[in-house]
Amino acid sequence: MRIAADTVASNSDELIVTVRFTNSSDDVVDSIRITSPVPADVQYVAQSASGPGSEVLFSVDNGRTFGRPGELTLPAPDGGVHGADASDYTHVRWVLHAPLDAGATGIARFRAVPR
């Protein structure tokens, strides 16, 4: 994510994080997973991820594991667990349903707001 040096995001600004990907090989590639960290100074906006023919998964443990919203949990202060929400996401992953042709490119996006 890039913000112009003379631009300061306010807490009401919404940013679009764009991930561009290319199959630079000469072969069709399948089982594609595109993963992007959520920058530490922003928080993911719920239900904002989009990508070409993909399932979107999230991580709350710095990319070690991924799941759908509602499946993710975090330790609770009492020793139990509680459900994670969009503000807890550390990574976004797009799992493409179709192969990516040689030389093909794509774009995946999500929205975020400053913390």
PDB file of N, CA and C in Angstrom:
ATOM      1  N   MET A   1       0.857  -1.163   0.000  1.00  0.00           N
ATOM      2  CA  MET A   1       0.000   0.000   0.000  1.00  0.00           C
ATOM      3  C   MET A   1       0.897   1.217   0.000  1.00  0.00           C
ATOM      4  N   ARG A   2       0.562   2.181  -0.861  1.00  0.00           N
ATOM      5  CA  ARG A   2       1.338   3.402  -0.904  1.00  0.00           C
ATOM      6  C   ARG A   2       0.428   4.607  -0.701  1.00  0.00           C
ATOM      7  N   ILE A   3       0.867   5.515   0.109  1.00  0.00           N
ATOM      8  CA  ILE A   3       0.191   6.794   0.299  1.00  0.00           C
ATOM      9  C   ILE A   3       1.217   7.855  -0.041  1.00  0.00           C
ATOM     10  N   ALA A   4       0.816   8.852  -0.814  1.00  0.00           N
ATOM     11  CA  ALA A   4       1.742   9.916  -1.194  1.00  0.00           C
ATOM     12  C   ALA A   4       2.346  10.535   0.057  1.00  0.00           C
ATOM     13  N   ALA A   5       3.625  10.918  -0.036  1.00  0.00           N
ATOM     14  CA  ALA A   5       4.355  11.423   1.124  1.00  0.00           C
ATOM     15  C   ALA A   5       3.697  12.653   1.734  1.00  0.00           C
ATOM     16  N   ASP A   6       3.030  13.471   0.917  1.00  0.00           N
ATOM     17  CA  ASP A   6       2.415  14.676   1.452  1.00  0.00           C
ATOM     18  C   ASP A   6       0.949  14.473   1.824  1.00  0.00           C
ATOM     19  N   THR A   7       0.519  13.222   1.861  1.00  0.00           N
ATOM     20  CA  THR A   7      -0.864  12.903   2.201  1.00  0.00           C
ATOM     21  C   THR A   7      -0.915  12.264   3.582  1.00  0.00           C
ATOM     22  N   VAL A   8      -1.816  12.747   4.413  1.00  0.00           N
ATOM     23  CA  VAL A   8      -2.011  12.167   5.737  1.00  0.00           C
ATOM     24  C   VAL A   8      -3.436  11.632   5.795  1.00  0.00           C
ATOM     25  N   ALA A   9      -3.576  10.351   6.091  1.00  0.00           N
ATOM     26  CA  ALA A   9      -4.907   9.751   6.181  1.00  0.00           C
ATOM     27  C   ALA A   9      -5.519  10.111   7.525  1.00  0.00           C
ATOM     28  N   SER A  10      -6.760  10.556   7.491  1.00  0.00           N
ATOM     29  CA  SER A  10      -7.453  10.826   8.746  1.00  0.00           C
ATOM     30  C   SER A  10      -8.212   9.568   9.154  1.00  0.00           C
ATOM     31  N   ASN A  11      -8.701   9.542  10.380  1.00  0.00           N
ATOM     32  CA  ASN A  11      -9.414   8.361  10.865  1.00  0.00           C
ATOM     33  C   ASN A  11     -10.702   8.092  10.104  1.00  0.00           C
ATOM     34  N   SER A  12     -11.198   9.069   9.350  1.00  0.00           N
ATOM     35  CA  SER A  12     -12.424   8.855   8.584  1.00  0.00           C
ATOM     36  C   SER A  12     -12.140   8.404   7.154  1.00  0.00           C
ATOM     37  N   ASP A  13     -10.881   8.414   6.735  1.00  0.00           N
ATOM     38  CA  ASP A  13     -10.525   7.995   5.378  1.00  0.00           C
ATOM     39  C   ASP A  13     -10.601   6.488   5.241  1.00  0.00           C
ATOM     40  N   GLU A  14     -11.062   6.056   4.078  1.00  0.00           N
ATOM     41  CA  GLU A  14     -11.064   4.631   3.770  1.00  0.00           C
ATOM     42  C   GLU A  14     -10.037   4.408   2.672  1.00  0.00           C
ATOM     43  N   LEU A  15      -9.172   3.437   2.864  1.00  0.00           N
ATOM     44  CA  LEU A  15      -8.116   3.124   1.909  1.00  0.00           C
ATOM     45  C   LEU A  15      -8.474   1.858   1.154  1.00  0.00           C
ATOM     46  N   ILE A  16      -7.992   1.749  -0.076  1.00  0.00           N
ATOM     47  CA  ILE A  16      -8.158   0.519  -0.843  1.00  0.00           C
ATOM     48  C   ILE A  16      -6.784  -0.113  -0.999  1.00  0.00           C
ATOM     49  N   VAL A  17      -6.631  -1.309  -0.467  1.00  0.00           N
ATOM     50  CA  VAL A  17      -5.383  -2.062  -0.601  1.00  0.00           C
ATOM     51  C   VAL A  17      -5.550  -2.962  -1.817  1.00  0.00           C
ATOM     52  N   THR A  18      -4.675  -2.787  -2.813  1.00  0.00           N
ATOM     53  CA  THR A  18      -4.760  -3.522  -4.071  1.00  0.00           C
ATOM     54  C   THR A  18      -3.562  -4.443  -4.207  1.00  0.00           C
ATOM     55  N   VAL A  19      -3.826  -5.696  -4.533  1.00  0.00           N
ATOM     56  CA  VAL A  19      -2.775  -6.693  -4.753  1.00  0.00           C
ATOM     57  C   VAL A  19      -2.864  -7.117  -6.216  1.00  0.00           C
ATOM     58  N   ARG A  20      -1.800  -6.862  -6.970  1.00  0.00           N
ATOM     59  CA  ARG A  20      -1.745  -7.289  -8.369  1.00  0.00           C
ATOM     60  C   ARG A  20      -0.887  -8.543  -8.441  1.00  0.00           C
ATOM     61  N   PHE A  21      -1.347  -9.521  -9.216  1.00  0.00           N
ATOM     62  CA  PHE A  21      -0.573 -10.753  -9.350  1.00  0.00           C
ATOM     63  C   PHE A  21      -0.517 -11.174 -10.809  1.00  0.00           C
ATOM     64  N   THR A  22       0.585 -11.852 -11.171  1.00  0.00           N
ATOM     65  CA  THR A  22       0.830 -12.291 -12.543  1.00  0.00           C
ATOM     66  C   THR A  22       1.412 -13.684 -12.527  1.00  0.00           C
ATOM     67  N   ASN A  23       0.945 -14.535 -13.426  1.00  0.00           N
ATOM     68  CA  ASN A  23       1.574 -15.835 -13.645  1.00  0.00           C
ATOM     69  C   ASN A  23       2.692 -15.599 -14.648  1.00  0.00           C
ATOM     70  N   SER A  24       3.907 -15.481 -14.167  1.00  0.00           N
ATOM     71  CA  SER A  24       5.047 -15.173 -15.030  1.00  0.00           C
ATOM     72  C   SER A  24       5.662 -16.422 -15.651  1.00  0.00           C
ATOM     73  N   SER A  25       5.061 -17.575 -15.422  1.00  0.00           N
ATOM     74  CA  SER A  25       5.586 -18.812 -16.014  1.00  0.00           C
ATOM     75  C   SER A  25       4.989 -19.019 -17.407  1.00  0.00           C
ATOM     76  N   ASP A  26       5.478 -20.033 -18.091  1.00  0.00           N
ATOM     77  CA  ASP A  26       4.961 -20.401 -19.411  1.00  0.00           C
ATOM     78  C   ASP A  26       3.851 -21.436 -19.311  1.00  0.00           C
ATOM     79  N   ASP A  27       3.466 -21.795 -18.104  1.00  0.00           N
ATOM     80  CA  ASP A  27       2.486 -22.855 -17.888  1.00  0.00           C
ATOM     81  C   ASP A  27       1.254 -22.333 -17.157  1.00  0.00           C
ATOM     82  N   VAL A  28       0.148 -23.032 -17.351  1.00  0.00           N
ATOM     83  CA  VAL A  28      -1.056 -22.768 -16.568  1.00  0.00           C
ATOM     84  C   VAL A  28      -0.780 -23.233 -15.137  1.00  0.00           C
ATOM     85  N   VAL A  29      -1.180 -22.430 -14.173  1.00  0.00           N
ATOM     86  CA  VAL A  29      -0.942 -22.759 -12.768  1.00  0.00           C
ATOM     87  C   VAL A  29      -2.296 -22.874 -12.070  1.00  0.00           C
ATOM     88  N   ASP A  30      -2.449 -23.920 -11.260  1.00  0.00           N
ATOM     89  CA  ASP A  30      -3.687 -24.044 -10.496  1.00  0.00           C
ATOM     90  C   ASP A  30      -3.369 -24.050  -9.009  1.00  0.00           C
ATOM     91  N   SER A  31      -4.402 -24.138  -8.205  1.00  0.00           N
ATOM     92  CA  SER A  31      -4.269 -24.077  -6.739  1.00  0.00           C
ATOM     93  C   SER A  31      -3.582 -22.779  -6.306  1.00  0.00           C
ATOM     94  N   ILE A  32      -4.050 -21.673  -6.855  1.00  0.00           N
ATOM     95  CA  ILE A  32      -3.449 -20.369  -6.573  1.00  0.00           C
ATOM     96  C   ILE A  32      -4.003 -19.805  -5.269  1.00  0.00           C
ATOM     97  N   ARG A  33      -3.089 -19.348  -4.417  1.00  0.00           N
ATOM     98  CA  ARG A  33      -3.444 -18.637  -3.189  1.00  0.00           C
ATOM     99  C   ARG A  33      -2.670 -17.326  -3.177  1.00  0.00           C
ATOM    100  N   ILE A  34      -3.382 -16.238  -3.065  1.00  0.00           N
ATOM    101  CA  ILE A  34      -2.777 -14.915  -2.983  1.00  0.00           C
ATOM    102  C   ILE A  34      -2.994 -14.431  -1.554  1.00  0.00           C
ATOM    103  N   THR A  35      -1.913 -14.076  -0.867  1.00  0.00           N
ATOM    104  CA  THR A  35      -2.008 -13.666   0.533  1.00  0.00           C
ATOM    105  C   THR A  35      -1.412 -12.279   0.707  1.00  0.00           C
ATOM    106  N   SER A  36      -2.119 -11.432   1.432  1.00  0.00           N
ATOM    107  CA  SER A  36      -1.637 -10.087   1.722  1.00  0.00           C
ATOM    108  C   SER A  36      -1.779  -9.800   3.209  1.00  0.00           C
ATOM    109  N   PRO A  37      -0.723  -9.267   3.821  1.00  0.00           N
ATOM    110  CA  PRO A  37      -0.892  -8.821   5.202  1.00  0.00           C
ATOM    111  C   PRO A  37      -1.784  -7.579   5.239  1.00  0.00           C
ATOM    112  N   VAL A  38      -2.489  -7.399   6.327  1.00  0.00           N
ATOM    113  CA  VAL A  38      -3.200  -6.152   6.584  1.00  0.00           C
ATOM    114  C   VAL A  38      -2.174  -5.254   7.275  1.00  0.00           C
ATOM    115  N   PRO A  39      -1.818  -4.117   6.672  1.00  0.00           N
ATOM    116  CA  PRO A  39      -0.810  -3.262   7.302  1.00  0.00           C
ATOM    117  C   PRO A  39      -1.182  -2.939   8.752  1.00  0.00           C
ATOM    118  N   ALA A  40      -0.177  -2.886   9.607  1.00  0.00           N
ATOM    119  CA  ALA A  40      -0.405  -2.730  11.048  1.00  0.00           C
ATOM    120  C   ALA A  40      -1.116  -1.431  11.410  1.00  0.00           C
ATOM    121  N   ASP A  41      -0.980  -0.400  10.576  1.00  0.00           N
ATOM    122  CA  ASP A  41      -1.572   0.891  10.914  1.00  0.00           C
ATOM    123  C   ASP A  41      -3.001   1.066  10.403  1.00  0.00           C
ATOM    124  N   VAL A  42      -3.562   0.001   9.817  1.00  0.00           N
ATOM    125  CA  VAL A  42      -4.957   0.051   9.361  1.00  0.00           C
ATOM    126  C   VAL A  42      -5.704  -1.177   9.849  1.00  0.00           C
ATOM    127  N   GLN A  43      -7.023  -1.118   9.748  1.00  0.00           N
ATOM    128  CA  GLN A  43      -7.833  -2.283  10.087  1.00  0.00           C
ATOM    129  C   GLN A  43      -8.732  -2.596   8.900  1.00  0.00           C
ATOM    130  N   TYR A  44      -8.885  -3.883   8.636  1.00  0.00           N
ATOM    131  CA  TYR A  44      -9.702  -4.385   7.537  1.00  0.00           C
ATOM    132  C   TYR A  44     -11.164  -3.981   7.739  1.00  0.00           C
ATOM    133  N   VAL A  45     -11.826  -3.596   6.644  1.00  0.00           N
ATOM    134  CA  VAL A  45     -13.256  -3.277   6.677  1.00  0.00           C
ATOM    135  C   VAL A  45     -14.031  -4.552   6.346  1.00  0.00           C
ATOM    136  N   ALA A  46     -14.919  -4.959   7.239  1.00  0.00           N
ATOM    137  CA  ALA A  46     -15.671  -6.213   7.083  1.00  0.00           C
ATOM    138  C   ALA A  46     -16.349  -6.305   5.721  1.00  0.00           C
ATOM    139  N   GLN A  47     -16.279  -7.486   5.136  1.00  0.00           N
ATOM    140  CA  GLN A  47     -16.926  -7.840   3.870  1.00  0.00           C
ATOM    141  C   GLN A  47     -16.483  -6.977   2.697  1.00  0.00           C
ATOM    142  N   SER A  48     -15.242  -6.487   2.729  1.00  0.00           N
ATOM    143  CA  SER A  48     -14.783  -5.599   1.659  1.00  0.00           C
ATOM    144  C   SER A  48     -13.834  -6.263   0.668  1.00  0.00           C
ATOM    145  N   ALA A  49     -13.377  -7.476   0.932  1.00  0.00           N
ATOM    146  CA  ALA A  49     -12.413  -8.121   0.035  1.00  0.00           C
ATOM    147  C   ALA A  49     -13.100  -8.588  -1.240  1.00  0.00           C
ATOM    148  N   SER A  50     -12.428  -8.376  -2.363  1.00  0.00           N
ATOM    149  CA  SER A  50     -12.931  -8.863  -3.643  1.00  0.00           C
ATOM    150  C   SER A  50     -11.757  -9.360  -4.468  1.00  0.00           C
ATOM    151  N   GLY A  51     -12.029 -10.353  -5.278  1.00  0.00           N
ATOM    152  CA  GLY A  51     -11.004 -10.916  -6.147  1.00  0.00           C
ATOM    153  C   GLY A  51     -11.664 -11.773  -7.198  1.00  0.00           C
ATOM    154  N   PRO A  52     -10.940 -12.089  -8.259  1.00  0.00           N
ATOM    155  CA  PRO A  52     -11.525 -12.806  -9.393  1.00  0.00           C
ATOM    156  C   PRO A  52     -11.823 -14.267  -9.079  1.00  0.00           C
ATOM    157  N   GLY A  53     -13.091 -14.644  -9.030  1.00  0.00           N
ATOM    158  CA  GLY A  53     -13.468 -16.042  -8.841  1.00  0.00           C
ATOM    159  C   GLY A  53     -12.743 -16.714  -7.702  1.00  0.00           C
ATOM    160  N   SER A  54     -12.856 -16.141  -6.517  1.00  0.00           N
ATOM    161  CA  SER A  54     -12.066 -16.656  -5.402  1.00  0.00           C
ATOM    162  C   SER A  54     -12.888 -16.758  -4.129  1.00  0.00           C
ATOM    163  N   GLU A  55     -12.390 -17.586  -3.230  1.00  0.00           N
ATOM    164  CA  GLU A  55     -12.891 -17.633  -1.862  1.00  0.00           C
ATOM    165  C   GLU A  55     -11.934 -16.795  -1.032  1.00  0.00           C
ATOM    166  N   VAL A  56     -12.467 -15.967  -0.148  1.00  0.00           N
ATOM    167  CA  VAL A  56     -11.629 -15.109   0.681  1.00  0.00           C
ATOM    168  C   VAL A  56     -11.575 -15.683   2.089  1.00  0.00           C
ATOM    169  N   LEU A  57     -10.351 -15.855   2.587  1.00  0.00           N
ATOM    170  CA  LEU A  57     -10.106 -16.354   3.938  1.00  0.00           C
ATOM    171  C   LEU A  57      -9.303 -15.320   4.708  1.00  0.00           C
ATOM    172  N   PHE A  58      -9.286 -15.452   6.024  1.00  0.00           N
ATOM    173  CA  PHE A  58      -8.618 -14.472   6.870  1.00  0.00           C
ATOM    174  C   PHE A  58      -7.775 -15.176   7.925  1.00  0.00           C
ATOM    175  N   SER A  59      -6.778 -14.445   8.425  1.00  0.00           N
ATOM    176  CA  SER A  59      -5.939 -14.939   9.513  1.00  0.00           C
ATOM    177  C   SER A  59      -5.972 -13.929  10.650  1.00  0.00           C
ATOM    178  N   VAL A  60      -5.931 -14.441  11.872  1.00  0.00           N
ATOM    179  CA  VAL A  60      -5.814 -13.590  13.058  1.00  0.00           C
ATOM    180  C   VAL A  60      -4.528 -13.915  13.819  1.00  0.00           C
ATOM    181  N   ASP A  61      -3.684 -14.766  13.210  1.00  0.00           N
ATOM    182  CA  ASP A  61      -2.445 -15.196  13.872  1.00  0.00           C
ATOM    183  C   ASP A  61      -1.224 -14.978  12.979  1.00  0.00           C
ATOM    184  N   ASN A  62      -1.206 -13.818  12.327  1.00  0.00           N
ATOM    185  CA  ASN A  62      -0.067 -13.428  11.488  1.00  0.00           C
ATOM    186  C   ASN A  62       0.195 -14.383  10.333  1.00  0.00           C
ATOM    187  N   GLY A  63      -0.858 -14.944   9.780  1.00  0.00           N
ATOM    188  CA  GLY A  63      -0.737 -15.771   8.581  1.00  0.00           C
ATOM    189  C   GLY A  63      -0.419 -17.228   8.811  1.00  0.00           C
ATOM    190  N   ARG A  64      -0.436 -17.686  10.056  1.00  0.00           N
ATOM    191  CA  ARG A  64      -0.155 -19.112  10.307  1.00  0.00           C
ATOM    192  C   ARG A  64      -1.324 -19.992   9.895  1.00  0.00           C
ATOM    193  N   THR A  65      -2.556 -19.561  10.215  1.00  0.00           N
ATOM    194  CA  THR A  65      -3.753 -20.322   9.851  1.00  0.00           C
ATOM    195  C   THR A  65      -4.778 -19.366   9.245  1.00  0.00           C
ATOM    196  N   PHE A  66      -5.676 -19.932   8.436  1.00  0.00           N
ATOM    197  CA  PHE A  66      -6.699 -19.129   7.758  1.00  0.00           C
ATOM    198  C   PHE A  66      -8.062 -19.777   7.916  1.00  0.00           C
ATOM    199  N   GLY A  67      -9.089 -18.963   7.921  1.00  0.00           N
ATOM    200  CA  GLY A  67     -10.452 -19.466   7.997  1.00  0.00           C
ATOM    201  C   GLY A  67     -11.439 -18.415   7.525  1.00  0.00           C
ATOM    202  N   ARG A  68     -12.687 -18.818   7.482  1.00  0.00           N
ATOM    203  CA  ARG A  68     -13.773 -17.905   7.111  1.00  0.00           C
ATOM    204  C   ARG A  68     -14.172 -17.083   8.340  1.00  0.00           C
ATOM    205  N   PRO A  69     -14.766 -15.910   8.088  1.00  0.00           N
ATOM    206  CA  PRO A  69     -15.297 -15.159   9.232  1.00  0.00           C
ATOM    207  C   PRO A  69     -16.271 -16.057  10.002  1.00  0.00           C
ATOM    208  N   GLY A  70     -16.275 -15.969  11.276  1.00  0.00           N
ATOM    209  CA  GLY A  70     -17.133 -16.827  12.095  1.00  0.00           C
ATOM    210  C   GLY A  70     -16.439 -18.097  12.542  1.00  0.00           C
ATOM    211  N   GLU A  71     -15.384 -18.502  11.839  1.00  0.00           N
ATOM    212  CA  GLU A  71     -14.608 -19.686  12.233  1.00  0.00           C
ATOM    213  C   GLU A  71     -13.393 -19.302  13.071  1.00  0.00           C
ATOM    214  N   LEU A  72     -13.016 -18.049  13.033  1.00  0.00           N
ATOM    215  CA  LEU A  72     -11.777 -17.597  13.667  1.00  0.00           C
ATOM    216  C   LEU A  72     -12.009 -17.225  15.124  1.00  0.00           C
ATOM    217  N   THR A  73     -11.093 -17.647  15.977  1.00  0.00           N
ATOM    218  CA  THR A  73     -11.191 -17.338  17.403  1.00  0.00           C
ATOM    219  C   THR A  73      -9.860 -16.808  17.919  1.00  0.00           C
ATOM    220  N   LEU A  74      -9.945 -16.138  19.041  1.00  0.00           N
ATOM    221  CA  LEU A  74      -8.771 -15.615  19.745  1.00  0.00           C
ATOM    222  C   LEU A  74      -8.875 -15.990  21.214  1.00  0.00           C
ATOM    223  N   PRO A  75      -7.739 -16.089  21.898  1.00  0.00           N
ATOM    224  CA  PRO A  75      -7.783 -16.378  23.333  1.00  0.00           C
ATOM    225  C   PRO A  75      -8.495 -15.251  24.089  1.00  0.00           C
ATOM    226  N   ALA A  76      -9.299 -15.623  25.051  1.00  0.00           N
ATOM    227  CA  ALA A  76      -9.991 -14.654  25.907  1.00  0.00           C
ATOM    228  C   ALA A  76      -9.207 -14.490  27.204  1.00  0.00           C
ATOM    229  N   PRO A  77      -9.346 -13.348  27.874  1.00  0.00           N
ATOM    230  CA  PRO A  77      -8.622 -13.123  29.131  1.00  0.00           C
ATOM    231  C   PRO A  77      -8.900 -14.182  30.194  1.00  0.00           C
ATOM    232  N   ASP A  78     -10.087 -14.803  30.164  1.00  0.00           N
ATOM    233  CA  ASP A  78     -10.438 -15.802  31.177  1.00  0.00           C
ATOM    234  C   ASP A  78      -9.895 -17.194  30.857  1.00  0.00           C
ATOM    235  N   GLY A  79      -9.094 -17.295  29.793  1.00  0.00           N
ATOM    236  CA  GLY A  79      -8.527 -18.590  29.421  1.00  0.00           C
ATOM    237  C   GLY A  79      -9.313 -19.312  28.352  1.00  0.00           C
ATOM    238  N   GLY A  80     -10.504 -18.854  28.048  1.00  0.00           N
ATOM    239  CA  GLY A  80     -11.308 -19.456  26.982  1.00  0.00           C
ATOM    240  C   GLY A  80     -10.960 -18.842  25.636  1.00  0.00           C
ATOM    241  N   VAL A  81     -11.913 -18.858  24.745  1.00  0.00           N
ATOM    242  CA  VAL A  81     -11.738 -18.228  23.437  1.00  0.00           C
ATOM    243  C   VAL A  81     -12.970 -17.390  23.118  1.00  0.00           C
ATOM    244  N   HIS A  82     -12.783 -16.425  22.233  1.00  0.00           N
ATOM    245  CA  HIS A  82     -13.911 -15.629  21.751  1.00  0.00           C
ATOM    246  C   HIS A  82     -13.774 -15.467  20.246  1.00  0.00           C
ATOM    247  N   GLY A  83     -14.880 -15.198  19.595  1.00  0.00           N
ATOM    248  CA  GLY A  83     -14.876 -15.026  18.154  1.00  0.00           C
ATOM    249  C   GLY A  83     -14.107 -13.782  17.742  1.00  0.00           C
ATOM    250  N   ALA A  84     -13.339 -13.918  16.666  1.00  0.00           N
ATOM    251  CA  ALA A  84     -12.597 -12.783  16.130  1.00  0.00           C
ATOM    252  C   ALA A  84     -13.520 -11.960  15.244  1.00  0.00           C
ATOM    253  N   ASP A  85     -13.202 -10.678  15.118  1.00  0.00           N
ATOM    254  CA  ASP A  85     -13.946  -9.869  14.159  1.00  0.00           C
ATOM    255  C   ASP A  85     -12.967  -9.212  13.187  1.00  0.00           C
ATOM    256  N   ALA A  86     -13.497  -8.451  12.240  1.00  0.00           N
ATOM    257  CA  ALA A  86     -12.681  -7.900  11.158  1.00  0.00           C
ATOM    258  C   ALA A  86     -11.499  -7.079  11.667  1.00  0.00           C
ATOM    259  N   SER A  87     -11.643  -6.415  12.794  1.00  0.00           N
ATOM    260  CA  SER A  87     -10.541  -5.603  13.321  1.00  0.00           C
ATOM    261  C   SER A  87      -9.371  -6.456  13.802  1.00  0.00           C
ATOM    262  N   ASP A  88      -9.586  -7.757  13.967  1.00  0.00           N
ATOM    263  CA  ASP A  88      -8.528  -8.671  14.415  1.00  0.00           C
ATOM    264  C   ASP A  88      -7.731  -9.274  13.262  1.00  0.00           C
ATOM    265  N   TYR A  89      -8.191  -9.115  12.026  1.00  0.00           N
ATOM    266  CA  TYR A  89      -7.541  -9.778  10.889  1.00  0.00           C
ATOM    267  C   TYR A  89      -6.137  -9.232  10.673  1.00  0.00           C
ATOM    268  N   THR A  90      -5.187 -10.147  10.499  1.00  0.00           N
ATOM    269  CA  THR A  90      -3.803  -9.770  10.207  1.00  0.00           C
ATOM    270  C   THR A  90      -3.435 -10.027   8.755  1.00  0.00           C
ATOM    271  N   HIS A  91      -4.150 -10.929   8.088  1.00  0.00           N
ATOM    272  CA  HIS A  91      -3.881 -11.279   6.690  1.00  0.00           C
ATOM    273  C   HIS A  91      -5.187 -11.604   5.975  1.00  0.00           C
ATOM    274  N   VAL A  92      -5.185 -11.336   4.669  1.00  0.00           N
ATOM    275  CA  VAL A  92      -6.297 -11.700   3.792  1.00  0.00           C
ATOM    276  C   VAL A  92      -5.736 -12.649   2.742  1.00  0.00           C
ATOM    277  N   ARG A  93      -6.470 -13.717   2.456  1.00  0.00           N
ATOM    278  CA  ARG A  93      -6.039 -14.696   1.444  1.00  0.00           C
ATOM    279  C   ARG A  93      -7.181 -14.931   0.458  1.00  0.00           C
ATOM    280  N   TRP A  94      -6.843 -14.893  -0.826  1.00  0.00           N
ATOM    281  CA  TRP A  94      -7.777 -15.222  -1.895  1.00  0.00           C
ATOM    282  C   TRP A  94      -7.361 -16.574  -2.459  1.00  0.00           C
ATOM    283  N   VAL A  95      -8.273 -17.536  -2.473  1.00  0.00           N
ATOM    284  CA  VAL A  95      -8.022 -18.857  -3.052  1.00  0.00           C
ATOM    285  C   VAL A  95      -8.787 -18.891  -4.370  1.00  0.00           C
ATOM    286  N   LEU A  96      -8.057 -18.871  -5.481  1.00  0.00           N
ATOM    287  CA  LEU A  96      -8.687 -18.823  -6.796  1.00  0.00           C
ATOM    288  C   LEU A  96      -9.297 -20.170  -7.141  1.00  0.00           C
ATOM    289  N   HIS A  97     -10.506 -20.139  -7.688  1.00  0.00           N
ATOM    290  CA  HIS A  97     -11.219 -21.366  -8.048  1.00  0.00           C
ATOM    291  C   HIS A  97     -10.758 -21.939  -9.380  1.00  0.00           C
ATOM    292  N   ALA A  98     -10.228 -21.113 -10.260  1.00  0.00           N
ATOM    293  CA  ALA A  98      -9.840 -21.558 -11.600  1.00  0.00           C
ATOM    294  C   ALA A  98      -8.332 -21.416 -11.777  1.00  0.00           C
ATOM    295  N   PRO A  99      -7.761 -22.192 -12.701  1.00  0.00           N
ATOM    296  CA  PRO A  99      -6.334 -22.049 -12.995  1.00  0.00           C
ATOM    297  C   PRO A  99      -6.035 -20.652 -13.552  1.00  0.00           C
ATOM    298  N   LEU A 100      -4.782 -20.257 -13.448  1.00  0.00           N
ATOM    299  CA  LEU A 100      -4.328 -18.973 -13.977  1.00  0.00           C
ATOM    300  C   LEU A 100      -3.451 -19.253 -15.188  1.00  0.00           C
ATOM    301  N   ASP A 101      -3.893 -18.773 -16.351  1.00  0.00           N
ATOM    302  CA  ASP A 101      -3.161 -19.015 -17.592  1.00  0.00           C
ATOM    303  C   ASP A 101      -1.785 -18.365 -17.560  1.00  0.00           C
ATOM    304  N   ALA A 102      -0.873 -18.891 -18.368  1.00  0.00           N
ATOM    305  CA  ALA A 102       0.463 -18.310 -18.505  1.00  0.00           C
ATOM    306  C   ALA A 102       0.326 -16.847 -18.915  1.00  0.00           C
ATOM    307  N   GLY A 103       1.035 -15.973 -18.224  1.00  0.00           N
ATOM    308  CA  GLY A 103       1.010 -14.552 -18.537  1.00  0.00           C
ATOM    309  C   GLY A 103      -0.203 -13.797 -18.023  1.00  0.00           C
ATOM    310  N   ALA A 104      -1.171 -14.496 -17.459  1.00  0.00           N
ATOM    311  CA  ALA A 104      -2.390 -13.836 -16.980  1.00  0.00           C
ATOM    312  C   ALA A 104      -2.101 -13.016 -15.726  1.00  0.00           C
ATOM    313  N   THR A 105      -2.862 -11.959 -15.570  1.00  0.00           N
ATOM    314  CA  THR A 105      -2.742 -11.111 -14.386  1.00  0.00           C
ATOM    315  C   THR A 105      -4.104 -10.978 -13.724  1.00  0.00           C
ATOM    316  N   GLY A 106      -4.100 -10.560 -12.494  1.00  0.00           N
ATOM    317  CA  GLY A 106      -5.339 -10.341 -11.768  1.00  0.00           C
ATOM    318  C   GLY A 106      -5.141  -9.311 -10.681  1.00  0.00           C
ATOM    319  N   ILE A 107      -6.244  -8.871 -10.126  1.00  0.00           N
ATOM    320  CA  ILE A 107      -6.223  -7.887  -9.047  1.00  0.00           C
ATOM    321  C   ILE A 107      -7.156  -8.364  -7.943  1.00  0.00           C
ATOM    322  N   ALA A 108      -6.694  -8.269  -6.719  1.00  0.00           N
ATOM    323  CA  ALA A 108      -7.510  -8.542  -5.541  1.00  0.00           C
ATOM    324  C   ALA A 108      -7.441  -7.292  -4.666  1.00  0.00           C
ATOM    325  N   ARG A 109      -8.539  -7.008  -3.978  1.00  0.00           N
ATOM    326  CA  ARG A 109      -8.591  -5.769  -3.192  1.00  0.00           C
ATOM    327  C   ARG A 109      -9.309  -5.983  -1.866  1.00  0.00           C
ATOM    328  N   PHE A 110      -8.988  -5.085  -0.934  1.00  0.00           N
ATOM    329  CA  PHE A 110      -9.815  -4.948   0.263  1.00  0.00           C
ATOM    330  C   PHE A 110      -9.737  -3.508   0.736  1.00  0.00           C
ATOM    331  N   ARG A 111     -10.730  -3.108   1.494  1.00  0.00           N
ATOM    332  CA  ARG A 111     -10.756  -1.763   2.049  1.00  0.00           C
ATOM    333  C   ARG A 111     -10.272  -1.809   3.494  1.00  0.00           C
ATOM    334  N   ALA A 112      -9.703  -0.695   3.927  1.00  0.00           N
ATOM    335  CA  ALA A 112      -9.191  -0.585   5.290  1.00  0.00           C
ATOM    336  C   ALA A 112      -9.347   0.851   5.766  1.00  0.00           C
ATOM    337  N   VAL A 113      -9.369   1.003   7.075  1.00  0.00           N
ATOM    338  CA  VAL A 113      -9.419   2.334   7.681  1.00  0.00           C
ATOM    339  C   VAL A 113      -8.265   2.447   8.673  1.00  0.00           C
ATOM    340  N   PRO A 114      -7.744   3.670   8.870  1.00  0.00           N
ATOM    341  CA  PRO A 114      -6.656   3.842   9.835  1.00  0.00           C
ATOM    342  C   PRO A 114      -7.091   3.425  11.237  1.00  0.00           C
ATOM    343  N   ARG A 115      -6.138   2.859  11.988  1.00  0.00           N
ATOM    344  CA  ARG A 115      -6.422   2.476  13.382  1.00  0.00           C
ATOM    345  C   ARG A 115      -6.405   3.701  14.265  1.00  0.00           C
TER     346      ARG A 115
END
